[in-house]
Amino acid sequence: ALLLVLTAAGEDTHAPSHAMAKEP
């Protein structure tokens, strides 16, 4: 359930430029 928040928050498309491009 905690991991589902990443999809809901759109983290994959809104990660800052210094973040790793790959999924954690």
mmCIF file of all heavy atoms, coordinates in Angstrom:
data_MODEL
# 
_entry.id   MODEL 
# 
loop_
_atom_site.group_PDB 
_atom_site.id 
_atom_site.type_symbol 
_atom_site.label_atom_id 
_atom_site.label_alt_id 
_atom_site.label_comp_id 
_atom_site.label_asym_id 
_atom_site.label_entity_id 
_atom_site.label_seq_id 
_atom_site.pdbx_PDB_ins_code 
_atom_site.Cartn_x 
_atom_site.Cartn_y 
_atom_site.Cartn_z 
_atom_site.occupancy 
_atom_site.B_iso_or_equiv 
_atom_site.pdbx_formal_charge 
_atom_site.auth_seq_id 
_atom_site.auth_comp_id 
_atom_site.auth_asym_id 
_atom_site.auth_atom_id 
_atom_site.pdbx_PDB_model_num 
ATOM 1   N N   . ALA A 1 1  ? 0.830  -1.206 0.000   1.00 0.00 ? 1  ALA A N   1 
ATOM 2   C CA  . ALA A 1 1  ? 0.000  0.000  0.000   1.00 0.00 ? 1  ALA A CA  1 
ATOM 3   C C   . ALA A 1 1  ? 0.866  1.258  0.000   1.00 0.00 ? 1  ALA A C   1 
ATOM 4   O O   . ALA A 1 1  ? 0.541  2.243  -0.665  1.00 0.00 ? 1  ALA A O   1 
ATOM 5   C CB  . ALA A 1 1  ? -0.937 -0.005 1.205   1.00 0.00 ? 1  ALA A CB  1 
ATOM 6   N N   . LEU A 1 2  ? 1.977  1.229  0.726   1.00 0.00 ? 2  LEU A N   1 
ATOM 7   C CA  . LEU A 1 2  ? 2.886  2.377  0.740   1.00 0.00 ? 2  LEU A CA  1 
ATOM 8   C C   . LEU A 1 2  ? 3.491  2.612  -0.640  1.00 0.00 ? 2  LEU A C   1 
ATOM 9   O O   . LEU A 1 2  ? 3.661  3.752  -1.068  1.00 0.00 ? 2  LEU A O   1 
ATOM 10  C CB  . LEU A 1 2  ? 3.997  2.177  1.765   1.00 0.00 ? 2  LEU A CB  1 
ATOM 11  C CG  . LEU A 1 2  ? 3.581  2.314  3.229   1.00 0.00 ? 2  LEU A CG  1 
ATOM 12  C CD1 . LEU A 1 2  ? 4.733  1.925  4.140   1.00 0.00 ? 2  LEU A CD1 1 
ATOM 13  C CD2 . LEU A 1 2  ? 3.130  3.738  3.524   1.00 0.00 ? 2  LEU A CD2 1 
ATOM 14  N N   . LEU A 1 3  ? 3.803  1.542  -1.343  1.00 0.00 ? 3  LEU A N   1 
ATOM 15  C CA  . LEU A 1 3  ? 4.389  1.683  -2.679  1.00 0.00 ? 3  LEU A CA  1 
ATOM 16  C C   . LEU A 1 3  ? 3.383  2.217  -3.693  1.00 0.00 ? 3  LEU A C   1 
ATOM 17  O O   . LEU A 1 3  ? 3.767  2.857  -4.670  1.00 0.00 ? 3  LEU A O   1 
ATOM 18  C CB  . LEU A 1 3  ? 4.973  0.354  -3.144  1.00 0.00 ? 3  LEU A CB  1 
ATOM 19  C CG  . LEU A 1 3  ? 6.227  -0.065 -2.377  1.00 0.00 ? 3  LEU A CG  1 
ATOM 20  C CD1 . LEU A 1 3  ? 6.596  -1.498 -2.704  1.00 0.00 ? 3  LEU A CD1 1 
ATOM 21  C CD2 . LEU A 1 3  ? 7.377  0.882  -2.667  1.00 0.00 ? 3  LEU A CD2 1 
ATOM 22  N N   . LEU A 1 4  ? 2.113  1.992  -3.452  1.00 0.00 ? 4  LEU A N   1 
ATOM 23  C CA  . LEU A 1 4  ? 1.091  2.506  -4.364  1.00 0.00 ? 4  LEU A CA  1 
ATOM 24  C C   . LEU A 1 4  ? 1.049  4.029  -4.373  1.00 0.00 ? 4  LEU A C   1 
ATOM 25  O O   . LEU A 1 4  ? 0.625  4.627  -5.354  1.00 0.00 ? 4  LEU A O   1 
ATOM 26  C CB  . LEU A 1 4  ? -0.291 1.962  -3.984  1.00 0.00 ? 4  LEU A CB  1 
ATOM 27  C CG  . LEU A 1 4  ? -0.546 0.504  -4.325  1.00 0.00 ? 4  LEU A CG  1 
ATOM 28  C CD1 . LEU A 1 4  ? -1.915 0.077  -3.811  1.00 0.00 ? 4  LEU A CD1 1 
ATOM 29  C CD2 . LEU A 1 4  ? -0.430 0.266  -5.815  1.00 0.00 ? 4  LEU A CD2 1 
ATOM 30  N N   . VAL A 1 5  ? 1.502  4.668  -3.303  1.00 0.00 ? 5  VAL A N   1 
ATOM 31  C CA  . VAL A 1 5  ? 1.492  6.131  -3.272  1.00 0.00 ? 5  VAL A CA  1 
ATOM 32  C C   . VAL A 1 5  ? 2.434  6.718  -4.314  1.00 0.00 ? 5  VAL A C   1 
ATOM 33  O O   . VAL A 1 5  ? 2.236  7.846  -4.757  1.00 0.00 ? 5  VAL A O   1 
ATOM 34  C CB  . VAL A 1 5  ? 1.807  6.716  -1.873  1.00 0.00 ? 5  VAL A CB  1 
ATOM 35  C CG1 . VAL A 1 5  ? 0.835  6.214  -0.836  1.00 0.00 ? 5  VAL A CG1 1 
ATOM 36  C CG2 . VAL A 1 5  ? 3.225  6.469  -1.463  1.00 0.00 ? 5  VAL A CG2 1 
ATOM 37  N N   . LEU A 1 6  ? 3.452  5.973  -4.718  1.00 0.00 ? 6  LEU A N   1 
ATOM 38  C CA  . LEU A 1 6  ? 4.365  6.484  -5.751  1.00 0.00 ? 6  LEU A CA  1 
ATOM 39  C C   . LEU A 1 6  ? 3.632  6.671  -7.068  1.00 0.00 ? 6  LEU A C   1 
ATOM 40  O O   . LEU A 1 6  ? 3.820  7.670  -7.759  1.00 0.00 ? 6  LEU A O   1 
ATOM 41  C CB  . LEU A 1 6  ? 5.553  5.541  -5.934  1.00 0.00 ? 6  LEU A CB  1 
ATOM 42  C CG  . LEU A 1 6  ? 6.493  5.438  -4.751  1.00 0.00 ? 6  LEU A CG  1 
ATOM 43  C CD1 . LEU A 1 6  ? 7.591  4.443  -5.048  1.00 0.00 ? 6  LEU A CD1 1 
ATOM 44  C CD2 . LEU A 1 6  ? 7.072  6.786  -4.389  1.00 0.00 ? 6  LEU A CD2 1 
ATOM 45  N N   . THR A 1 7  ? 2.790  5.731  -7.413  1.00 0.00 ? 7  THR A N   1 
ATOM 46  C CA  . THR A 1 7  ? 2.009  5.826  -8.637  1.00 0.00 ? 7  THR A CA  1 
ATOM 47  C C   . THR A 1 7  ? 0.973  6.938  -8.508  1.00 0.00 ? 7  THR A C   1 
ATOM 48  O O   . THR A 1 7  ? 0.823  7.763  -9.409  1.00 0.00 ? 7  THR A O   1 
ATOM 49  C CB  . THR A 1 7  ? 1.294  4.493  -8.936  1.00 0.00 ? 7  THR A CB  1 
ATOM 50  O OG1 . THR A 1 7  ? 2.274  3.470  -9.031  1.00 0.00 ? 7  THR A OG1 1 
ATOM 51  C CG2 . THR A 1 7  ? 0.516  4.567  -10.235 1.00 0.00 ? 7  THR A CG2 1 
ATOM 52  N N   . ALA A 1 8  ? 0.296  6.996  -7.370  1.00 0.00 ? 8  ALA A N   1 
ATOM 53  C CA  . ALA A 1 8  ? -0.732 8.011  -7.146  1.00 0.00 ? 8  ALA A CA  1 
ATOM 54  C C   . ALA A 1 8  ? -0.143 9.412  -7.134  1.00 0.00 ? 8  ALA A C   1 
ATOM 55  O O   . ALA A 1 8  ? -0.764 10.359 -7.600  1.00 0.00 ? 8  ALA A O   1 
ATOM 56  C CB  . ALA A 1 8  ? -1.464 7.734  -5.837  1.00 0.00 ? 8  ALA A CB  1 
ATOM 57  N N   . ALA A 1 9  ? 1.086  9.546  -6.618  1.00 0.00 ? 9  ALA A N   1 
ATOM 58  C CA  . ALA A 1 9  ? 1.724  10.860 -6.523  1.00 0.00 ? 9  ALA A CA  1 
ATOM 59  C C   . ALA A 1 9  ? 2.412  11.260 -7.822  1.00 0.00 ? 9  ALA A C   1 
ATOM 60  O O   . ALA A 1 9  ? 2.896  12.373 -7.939  1.00 0.00 ? 9  ALA A O   1 
ATOM 61  C CB  . ALA A 1 9  ? 2.738  10.864 -5.376  1.00 0.00 ? 9  ALA A CB  1 
ATOM 62  N N   . GLY A 1 10 ? 2.488  10.333 -8.772  1.00 0.00 ? 10 GLY A N   1 
ATOM 63  C CA  . GLY A 1 10 ? 3.148  10.647 -10.038 1.00 0.00 ? 10 GLY A CA  1 
ATOM 64  C C   . GLY A 1 10 ? 4.641  10.860 -9.883  1.00 0.00 ? 10 GLY A C   1 
ATOM 65  O O   . GLY A 1 10 ? 5.261  11.578 -10.633 1.00 0.00 ? 10 GLY A O   1 
ATOM 66  N N   . GLU A 1 11 ? 5.237  10.210 -8.903  1.00 0.00 ? 11 GLU A N   1 
ATOM 67  C CA  . GLU A 1 11 ? 6.656  10.411 -8.628  1.00 0.00 ? 11 GLU A CA  1 
ATOM 68  C C   . GLU A 1 11 ? 7.551  10.060 -9.811  1.00 0.00 ? 11 GLU A C   1 
ATOM 69  O O   . GLU A 1 11 ? 8.591  10.646 -9.989  1.00 0.00 ? 11 GLU A O   1 
ATOM 70  C CB  . GLU A 1 11 ? 7.092  9.597  -7.411  1.00 0.00 ? 11 GLU A CB  1 
ATOM 71  C CG  . GLU A 1 11 ? 6.704  10.240 -6.116  1.00 0.00 ? 11 GLU A CG  1 
ATOM 72  C CD  . GLU A 1 11 ? 7.313  11.618 -5.937  1.00 0.00 ? 11 GLU A CD  1 
ATOM 73  O OE1 . GLU A 1 11 ? 8.532  11.777 -6.148  1.00 0.00 ? 11 GLU A OE1 1 
ATOM 74  O OE2 . GLU A 1 11 ? 6.583  12.540 -5.599  1.00 0.00 ? 11 GLU A OE2 1 
ATOM 75  N N   . ASP A 1 12 ? 7.127  9.107  -10.614 1.00 0.00 ? 12 ASP A N   1 
ATOM 76  C CA  . ASP A 1 12 ? 7.975  8.693  -11.723 1.00 0.00 ? 12 ASP A CA  1 
ATOM 77  C C   . ASP A 1 12 ? 8.148  9.807  -12.750 1.00 0.00 ? 12 ASP A C   1 
ATOM 78  O O   . ASP A 1 12 ? 9.190  9.940  -13.367 1.00 0.00 ? 12 ASP A O   1 
ATOM 79  C CB  . ASP A 1 12 ? 7.400  7.456  -12.402 1.00 0.00 ? 12 ASP A CB  1 
ATOM 80  C CG  . ASP A 1 12 ? 7.330  6.289  -11.449 1.00 0.00 ? 12 ASP A CG  1 
ATOM 81  O OD1 . ASP A 1 12 ? 8.098  6.250  -10.489 1.00 0.00 ? 12 ASP A OD1 1 
ATOM 82  O OD2 . ASP A 1 12 ? 6.483  5.426  -11.679 1.00 0.00 ? 12 ASP A OD2 1 
ATOM 83  N N   . THR A 1 13 ? 7.121  10.625 -12.927 1.00 0.00 ? 13 THR A N   1 
ATOM 84  C CA  . THR A 1 13 ? 7.188  11.664 -13.940 1.00 0.00 ? 13 THR A CA  1 
ATOM 85  C C   . THR A 1 13 ? 7.582  13.020 -13.375 1.00 0.00 ? 13 THR A C   1 
ATOM 86  O O   . THR A 1 13 ? 7.881  13.930 -14.126 1.00 0.00 ? 13 THR A O   1 
ATOM 87  C CB  . THR A 1 13 ? 5.827  11.799 -14.662 1.00 0.00 ? 13 THR A CB  1 
ATOM 88  O OG1 . THR A 1 13 ? 4.825  12.095 -13.684 1.00 0.00 ? 13 THR A OG1 1 
ATOM 89  C CG2 . THR A 1 13 ? 5.482  10.532 -15.406 1.00 0.00 ? 13 THR A CG2 1 
ATOM 90  N N   . HIS A 1 14 ? 7.584  13.172 -12.058 1.00 0.00 ? 14 HIS A N   1 
ATOM 91  C CA  . HIS A 1 14 ? 7.887  14.460 -11.456 1.00 0.00 ? 14 HIS A CA  1 
ATOM 92  C C   . HIS A 1 14 ? 9.140  14.427 -10.589 1.00 0.00 ? 14 HIS A C   1 
ATOM 93  O O   . HIS A 1 14 ? 9.342  15.301 -9.766  1.00 0.00 ? 14 HIS A O   1 
ATOM 94  C CB  . HIS A 1 14 ? 6.700  14.943 -10.616 1.00 0.00 ? 14 HIS A CB  1 
ATOM 95  C CG  . HIS A 1 14 ? 5.488  15.203 -11.443 1.00 0.00 ? 14 HIS A CG  1 
ATOM 96  N ND1 . HIS A 1 14 ? 4.508  14.257 -11.610 1.00 0.00 ? 14 HIS A ND1 1 
ATOM 97  C CD2 . HIS A 1 14 ? 5.114  16.274 -12.177 1.00 0.00 ? 14 HIS A CD2 1 
ATOM 98  C CE1 . HIS A 1 14 ? 3.563  14.752 -12.389 1.00 0.00 ? 14 HIS A CE1 1 
ATOM 99  N NE2 . HIS A 1 14 ? 3.907  15.959 -12.752 1.00 0.00 ? 14 HIS A NE2 1 
ATOM 100 N N   . ALA A 1 15 ? 9.973  13.437 -10.761 1.00 0.00 ? 15 ALA A N   1 
ATOM 101 C CA  . ALA A 1 15 ? 11.196 13.347 -9.960  1.00 0.00 ? 15 ALA A CA  1 
ATOM 102 C C   . ALA A 1 15 ? 12.131 14.490 -10.330 1.00 0.00 ? 15 ALA A C   1 
ATOM 103 O O   . ALA A 1 15 ? 12.224 14.878 -11.493 1.00 0.00 ? 15 ALA A O   1 
ATOM 104 C CB  . ALA A 1 15 ? 11.880 12.005 -10.206 1.00 0.00 ? 15 ALA A CB  1 
ATOM 105 N N   . PRO A 1 16 ? 12.814 15.067 -9.330  1.00 0.00 ? 16 PRO A N   1 
ATOM 106 C CA  . PRO A 1 16 ? 13.753 16.145 -9.639  1.00 0.00 ? 16 PRO A CA  1 
ATOM 107 C C   . PRO A 1 16 ? 14.898 15.645 -10.509 1.00 0.00 ? 16 PRO A C   1 
ATOM 108 O O   . PRO A 1 16 ? 15.166 14.454 -10.583 1.00 0.00 ? 16 PRO A O   1 
ATOM 109 C CB  . PRO A 1 16 ? 14.250 16.587 -8.269  1.00 0.00 ? 16 PRO A CB  1 
ATOM 110 C CG  . PRO A 1 16 ? 13.948 15.476 -7.346  1.00 0.00 ? 16 PRO A CG  1 
ATOM 111 C CD  . PRO A 1 16 ? 12.781 14.737 -7.917  1.00 0.00 ? 16 PRO A CD  1 
ATOM 112 N N   . SER A 1 17 ? 15.602 16.575 -11.136 1.00 0.00 ? 17 SER A N   1 
ATOM 113 C CA  . SER A 1 17 ? 16.646 16.201 -12.093 1.00 0.00 ? 17 SER A CA  1 
ATOM 114 C C   . SER A 1 17 ? 17.784 15.409 -11.449 1.00 0.00 ? 17 SER A C   1 
ATOM 115 O O   . SER A 1 17 ? 18.443 14.630 -12.112 1.00 0.00 ? 17 SER A O   1 
ATOM 116 C CB  . SER A 1 17 ? 17.201 17.449 -12.765 1.00 0.00 ? 17 SER A CB  1 
ATOM 117 O OG  . SER A 1 17 ? 17.747 18.316 -11.787 1.00 0.00 ? 17 SER A OG  1 
ATOM 118 N N   . HIS A 1 18 ? 18.024 15.580 -10.142 1.00 0.00 ? 18 HIS A N   1 
ATOM 119 C CA  . HIS A 1 18 ? 19.112 14.857 -9.495  1.00 0.00 ? 18 HIS A CA  1 
ATOM 120 C C   . HIS A 1 18 ? 18.707 13.440 -9.092  1.00 0.00 ? 18 HIS A C   1 
ATOM 121 O O   . HIS A 1 18 ? 19.528 12.648 -8.700  1.00 0.00 ? 18 HIS A O   1 
ATOM 122 C CB  . HIS A 1 18 ? 19.612 15.621 -8.262  1.00 0.00 ? 18 HIS A CB  1 
ATOM 123 C CG  . HIS A 1 18 ? 18.610 15.701 -7.168  1.00 0.00 ? 18 HIS A CG  1 
ATOM 124 N ND1 . HIS A 1 18 ? 17.647 16.675 -7.147  1.00 0.00 ? 18 HIS A ND1 1 
ATOM 125 C CD2 . HIS A 1 18 ? 18.413 14.936 -6.082  1.00 0.00 ? 18 HIS A CD2 1 
ATOM 126 C CE1 . HIS A 1 18 ? 16.897 16.498 -6.071  1.00 0.00 ? 18 HIS A CE1 1 
ATOM 127 N NE2 . HIS A 1 18 ? 17.337 15.462 -5.423  1.00 0.00 ? 18 HIS A NE2 1 
ATOM 128 N N   . ALA A 1 19 ? 17.430 13.117 -9.195  1.00 0.00 ? 19 ALA A N   1 
ATOM 129 C CA  . ALA A 1 19 ? 16.959 11.782 -8.810  1.00 0.00 ? 19 ALA A CA  1 
ATOM 130 C C   . ALA A 1 19 ? 17.386 10.760 -9.857  1.00 0.00 ? 19 ALA A C   1 
ATOM 131 O O   . ALA A 1 19 ? 17.561 11.073 -11.025 1.00 0.00 ? 19 ALA A O   1 
ATOM 132 C CB  . ALA A 1 19 ? 15.439 11.772 -8.673  1.00 0.00 ? 19 ALA A CB  1 
ATOM 133 N N   . MET A 1 20 ? 17.521 9.526  -9.395  1.00 0.00 ? 20 MET A N   1 
ATOM 134 C CA  . MET A 1 20 ? 17.865 8.445  -10.309 1.00 0.00 ? 20 MET A CA  1 
ATOM 135 C C   . MET A 1 20 ? 16.709 8.227  -11.283 1.00 0.00 ? 20 MET A C   1 
ATOM 136 O O   . MET A 1 20 ? 15.556 8.328  -10.916 1.00 0.00 ? 20 MET A O   1 
ATOM 137 C CB  . MET A 1 20 ? 18.111 7.148  -9.532  1.00 0.00 ? 20 MET A CB  1 
ATOM 138 C CG  . MET A 1 20 ? 19.234 7.235  -8.529  1.00 0.00 ? 20 MET A CG  1 
ATOM 139 S SD  . MET A 1 20 ? 20.838 7.480  -9.276  1.00 0.00 ? 20 MET A SD  1 
ATOM 140 C CE  . MET A 1 20 ? 21.107 5.867  -9.949  1.00 0.00 ? 20 MET A CE  1 
ATOM 141 N N   . ALA A 1 21 ? 17.013 7.961  -12.521 1.00 0.00 ? 21 ALA A N   1 
ATOM 142 C CA  . ALA A 1 21 ? 15.987 7.760  -13.529 1.00 0.00 ? 21 ALA A CA  1 
ATOM 143 C C   . ALA A 1 21 ? 15.273 6.429  -13.341 1.00 0.00 ? 21 ALA A C   1 
ATOM 144 O O   . ALA A 1 21 ? 14.116 6.293  -13.685 1.00 0.00 ? 21 ALA A O   1 
ATOM 145 C CB  . ALA A 1 21 ? 16.601 7.832  -14.919 1.00 0.00 ? 21 ALA A CB  1 
ATOM 146 N N   . LYS A 1 22 ? 15.953 5.460  -12.789 1.00 0.00 ? 22 LYS A N   1 
ATOM 147 C CA  . LYS A 1 22 ? 15.363 4.133  -12.606 1.00 0.00 ? 22 LYS A CA  1 
ATOM 148 C C   . LYS A 1 22 ? 14.439 4.119  -11.399 1.00 0.00 ? 22 LYS A C   1 
ATOM 149 O O   . LYS A 1 22 ? 14.585 4.890  -10.471 1.00 0.00 ? 22 LYS A O   1 
ATOM 150 C CB  . LYS A 1 22 ? 16.457 3.097  -12.406 1.00 0.00 ? 22 LYS A CB  1 
ATOM 151 C CG  . LYS A 1 22 ? 17.360 2.916  -13.595 1.00 0.00 ? 22 LYS A CG  1 
ATOM 152 C CD  . LYS A 1 22 ? 18.403 1.864  -13.301 1.00 0.00 ? 22 LYS A CD  1 
ATOM 153 C CE  . LYS A 1 22 ? 19.331 1.678  -14.457 1.00 0.00 ? 22 LYS A CE  1 
ATOM 154 N NZ  . LYS A 1 22 ? 20.375 0.694  -14.151 1.00 0.00 ? 22 LYS A NZ  1 
ATOM 155 N N   . GLU A 1 23 ? 13.512 3.177  -11.443 1.00 0.00 ? 23 GLU A N   1 
ATOM 156 C CA  . GLU A 1 23 ? 12.640 2.964  -10.285 1.00 0.00 ? 23 GLU A CA  1 
ATOM 157 C C   . GLU A 1 23 ? 13.481 2.462  -9.115  1.00 0.00 ? 23 GLU A C   1 
ATOM 158 O O   . GLU A 1 23 ? 14.417 1.685  -9.313  1.00 0.00 ? 23 GLU A O   1 
ATOM 159 C CB  . GLU A 1 23 ? 11.594 1.903  -10.625 1.00 0.00 ? 23 GLU A CB  1 
ATOM 160 C CG  . GLU A 1 23 ? 10.401 2.452  -11.343 1.00 0.00 ? 23 GLU A CG  1 
ATOM 161 C CD  . GLU A 1 23 ? 9.678  3.468  -10.501 1.00 0.00 ? 23 GLU A CD  1 
ATOM 162 O OE1 . GLU A 1 23 ? 9.175  3.139  -9.418  1.00 0.00 ? 23 GLU A OE1 1 
ATOM 163 O OE2 . GLU A 1 23 ? 9.612  4.627  -10.936 1.00 0.00 ? 23 GLU A OE2 1 
ATOM 164 N N   . PRO A 1 24 ? 13.141 2.882  -7.901  1.00 0.00 ? 24 PRO A N   1 
ATOM 165 C CA  . PRO A 1 24 ? 13.906 2.384  -6.751  1.00 0.00 ? 24 PRO A CA  1 
ATOM 166 C C   . PRO A 1 24 ? 13.627 0.902  -6.512  1.00 0.00 ? 24 PRO A C   1 
ATOM 167 O O   . PRO A 1 24 ? 12.527 0.419  -6.777  1.00 0.00 ? 24 PRO A O   1 
ATOM 168 C CB  . PRO A 1 24 ? 13.398 3.230  -5.588  1.00 0.00 ? 24 PRO A CB  1 
ATOM 169 C CG  . PRO A 1 24 ? 12.069 3.730  -6.010  1.00 0.00 ? 24 PRO A CG  1 
ATOM 170 C CD  . PRO A 1 24 ? 12.124 3.836  -7.506  1.00 0.00 ? 24 PRO A CD  1 
# 
